[in-house]
Amino acid sequence: MRIEAIYDQGRLSFLSPIKLRHERLNVIVEIPEGEIEEGAAATELDEYARQMINTLDSIRLPPPLFERPERVTAEQHERLAAFNTADDR
């Protein structure tokens, strides 16, 4: 179905009243070529997208494996030994 709307600072307002079955749905929007500016907006979106991908990856991906340092201090050695004996119980 084709419905006419007005875009106003990130919001679409339908010119005729309409009641949708769902609160969220995918739509296709046709924008006249002369209305799209090139430049800064794409860069801002790219940075936002990178941040969002990093956030989602930190949720989705497992944490990196524990890497033992090359030199273990006496305190770290005691803690590792205590941790290993706790697993034996």
Protein backbone atom coordinates (compact mmCIF):
# COMPACT_ATOMS: atom_id res chain seq x y z
CA MET A 1 0.00 0.00 0.00
CA ARG A 2 1.31 3.44 -0.86
CA ILE A 3 0.69 6.16 1.75
CA GLU A 4 1.80 9.78 1.60
CA ALA A 5 3.64 11.20 4.61
CA ILE A 6 5.74 14.19 5.62
CA TYR A 7 9.24 13.69 7.04
CA ASP A 8 10.00 16.14 9.86
CA GLN A 9 13.32 15.80 11.73
CA GLY A 10 13.33 12.01 11.91
CA ARG A 11 9.58 11.46 12.17
CA LEU A 12 7.05 10.49 9.53
CA SER A 13 3.58 12.02 9.77
CA PHE A 14 0.88 10.50 7.60
CA LEU A 15 -1.26 12.98 5.65
CA SER A 16 -4.38 10.88 6.17
CA PRO A 17 -5.26 9.07 9.41
CA ILE A 18 -4.15 5.44 9.51
CA LYS A 19 -4.22 2.74 12.19
CA LEU A 20 -1.45 0.14 11.99
CA ARG A 21 -1.73 -3.38 13.40
CA HIS A 22 1.77 -3.29 14.91
CA GLU A 23 3.68 -0.51 16.66
CA ARG A 24 6.86 -1.30 14.72
CA LEU A 25 7.23 -2.41 11.11
CA ASN A 26 9.61 -2.12 8.16
CA VAL A 27 8.73 0.40 5.47
CA ILE A 28 10.28 1.55 2.20
CA VAL A 29 10.64 5.31 1.80
CA GLU A 30 11.18 7.07 -1.53
CA ILE A 31 13.17 10.28 -1.15
CA PRO A 32 13.69 12.67 -4.08
CA GLU A 33 17.36 12.68 -5.15
CA GLY A 34 17.74 16.44 -4.62
CA GLU A 35 16.78 16.14 -0.94
CA ILE A 36 19.73 13.97 0.11
CA GLU A 37 22.91 15.79 1.19
CA GLU A 38 26.21 13.98 1.00
CA GLY A 39 28.99 14.37 3.55
CA ALA A 40 28.92 14.78 7.32
CA ALA A 41 25.71 12.85 8.02
CA ALA A 42 27.15 9.65 6.56
CA THR A 43 30.31 10.02 8.69
CA GLU A 44 28.26 10.50 11.88
CA LEU A 45 26.16 7.46 11.04
CA ASP A 46 29.27 5.39 10.33
CA GLU A 47 30.70 6.25 13.77
CA TYR A 48 27.37 5.50 15.46
CA ALA A 49 27.15 2.19 13.57
CA ARG A 50 30.70 1.25 14.63
CA GLN A 51 29.86 1.98 18.28
CA MET A 52 26.65 -0.04 18.04
CA ILE A 53 28.48 -2.99 16.44
CA ASN A 54 31.11 -2.92 19.21
CA THR A 55 28.38 -2.83 21.87
CA LEU A 56 26.49 -5.71 20.30
CA ASP A 57 29.69 -7.73 19.81
CA SER A 58 30.58 -7.28 23.50
CA ILE A 59 27.19 -8.78 24.38
CA ARG A 60 27.15 -11.51 21.73
CA LEU A 61 30.77 -12.70 21.73
CA PRO A 62 32.41 -14.59 24.62
CA PRO A 63 35.07 -12.72 26.59
CA PRO A 64 38.68 -13.30 25.55
CA LEU A 65 40.41 -16.23 27.22
CA PHE A 66 42.53 -15.55 30.29
CA GLU A 67 46.13 -15.03 29.32
CA ARG A 68 48.70 -15.87 31.94
CA PRO A 69 51.42 -13.20 32.19
CA GLU A 70 54.99 -14.24 31.42
CA ARG A 71 56.13 -13.47 34.96
CA VAL A 72 53.85 -14.52 37.80
CA THR A 73 54.28 -12.75 41.14
CA ALA A 74 54.25 -14.72 44.39
CA GLU A 75 50.78 -13.36 45.21
CA GLN A 76 49.45 -14.34 41.77
CA HIS A 77 50.99 -17.80 42.16
CA GLU A 78 49.21 -18.26 45.53
CA ARG A 79 45.91 -17.18 44.02
CA LEU A 80 46.31 -19.55 41.06
CA ALA A 81 47.19 -22.41 43.41
CA ALA A 82 44.14 -21.66 45.59
CA PHE A 83 41.92 -21.54 42.52
CA ASN A 84 43.28 -24.87 41.26
CA THR A 85 42.70 -26.59 44.62
CA ALA A 86 39.15 -25.19 44.77
CA ASP A 87 38.39 -27.05 41.51
CA ASP A 88 39.50 -30.37 43.07
CA ARG A 89 36.73 -30.35 45.69
